[in-house]
Structure formats: C-alpha cells, structure tokens
Amino acid sequence: MEVCYRHPNREGVFFCQKDGVRMCEECACCHSPKVYCQFRTACIINMLTKEGSMASCADKAKLKKSGQ
C-alpha cells in the first residue's frame, strides 16, 4: 500500500505528479494551483475540485480553521 506523505498510517489514494507525492483524501488538493503544472489537464485532483466533488486547499483550510 502506498501511503500519504503527511499521514503514514493512511492510504495515499491520490497522486500529485507535479510534487511526486501521494495523498489521502484529507490532504488531496492542489497545493500550488497558481503555479504552472504540465500535468494539470490530466490531474484527477484538479478535475474533482473543478466539478465540486473535492474541496480546494483554500476551502479545506477555512473549514479546518473554523473547526468543522
């Protein structure tokens, strides 16, 4: 099992080709959406964020800050 780069006890179900890291569902978001990424058009994280199935890093940070 490939593990999340921040949570070694969780499965890394998403892979960021730009950063070369695996992420669990909690960590999965584009960490630098304003920086060019040659993989963005094929990125599942980007696609799920655009369609609203996954929260952006900014939205996840807001939720975490508000304690939800």
Protein backbone atom coordinates (compact mmCIF):
# COMPACT_ATOMS: atom_id res chain seq x y z
CA MET A 1 0.00 0.00 0.00
CA GLU A 2 1.29 3.45 -0.94
CA VAL A 3 0.84 5.89 1.95
CA CYS A 4 0.01 9.57 2.29
CA TYR A 5 3.07 11.81 2.50
CA ARG A 6 1.67 13.54 5.63
CA HIS A 7 -0.18 10.63 7.23
CA PRO A 8 1.87 7.40 7.03
CA ASN A 9 -0.99 5.44 8.60
CA ARG A 10 -3.37 6.31 5.72
CA GLU A 11 -3.51 5.08 2.16
CA GLY A 12 -2.34 7.60 -0.43
CA VAL A 13 -5.23 7.26 -2.86
CA PHE A 14 -4.33 10.35 -4.91
CA PHE A 15 -1.01 11.06 -6.63
CA CYS A 16 0.32 14.51 -7.49
CA GLN A 17 2.62 14.18 -10.49
CA LYS A 18 3.96 17.73 -10.11
CA ASP A 19 5.08 17.23 -6.49
CA GLY A 20 5.61 13.47 -6.77
CA VAL A 21 3.63 12.68 -3.61
CA ARG A 22 0.68 10.51 -2.65
CA MET A 23 -2.14 11.98 -0.58
CA CYS A 24 -5.04 10.67 1.47
CA GLU A 25 -8.50 12.17 0.91
CA GLU A 26 -7.95 14.75 3.67
CA CYS A 27 -4.71 16.04 2.13
CA ALA A 28 -5.75 15.78 -1.52
CA CYS A 29 -5.88 19.22 -3.13
CA CYS A 30 -3.70 21.22 -5.47
CA HIS A 31 -1.14 22.77 -3.14
CA SER A 32 0.01 25.35 -5.67
CA PRO A 33 -2.83 25.98 -8.13
CA LYS A 34 -1.35 29.26 -9.42
CA VAL A 35 1.98 27.65 -10.32
CA TYR A 36 2.24 26.10 -13.80
CA CYS A 37 1.73 22.33 -13.89
CA GLN A 38 2.26 20.36 -17.07
CA PHE A 39 0.06 17.58 -15.67
CA ARG A 40 -2.96 19.73 -14.73
CA THR A 41 -5.14 18.76 -17.70
CA ALA A 42 -4.82 15.08 -16.72
CA CYS A 43 -4.94 15.64 -12.93
CA ILE A 44 -7.74 13.82 -11.09
CA ILE A 45 -7.40 16.18 -8.12
CA ASN A 46 -7.87 19.21 -10.38
CA MET A 47 -10.82 17.58 -12.15
CA LEU A 48 -12.61 16.65 -8.91
CA THR A 49 -12.03 20.13 -7.49
CA LYS A 50 -13.43 21.80 -10.61
CA GLU A 51 -16.56 19.65 -10.60
CA GLY A 52 -17.10 20.30 -6.89
CA SER A 53 -16.52 16.75 -5.64
CA MET A 54 -13.35 17.77 -3.80
CA ALA A 55 -12.62 20.93 -1.81
CA SER A 56 -9.73 23.17 -2.76
CA CYS A 57 -6.82 23.62 -0.33
CA ALA A 58 -8.13 27.11 0.49
CA ASP A 59 -11.59 25.75 1.30
CA LYS A 60 -10.11 22.92 3.39
CA ALA A 61 -8.02 25.43 5.34
CA LYS A 62 -11.10 27.57 6.03
CA LEU A 63 -13.02 24.54 7.30
CA LYS A 64 -10.12 23.46 9.49
CA LYS A 65 -9.73 26.99 10.90
CA SER A 66 -13.43 27.21 11.73
CA GLY A 67 -13.25 23.83 13.49
CA GLN A 68 -15.58 21.91 11.19
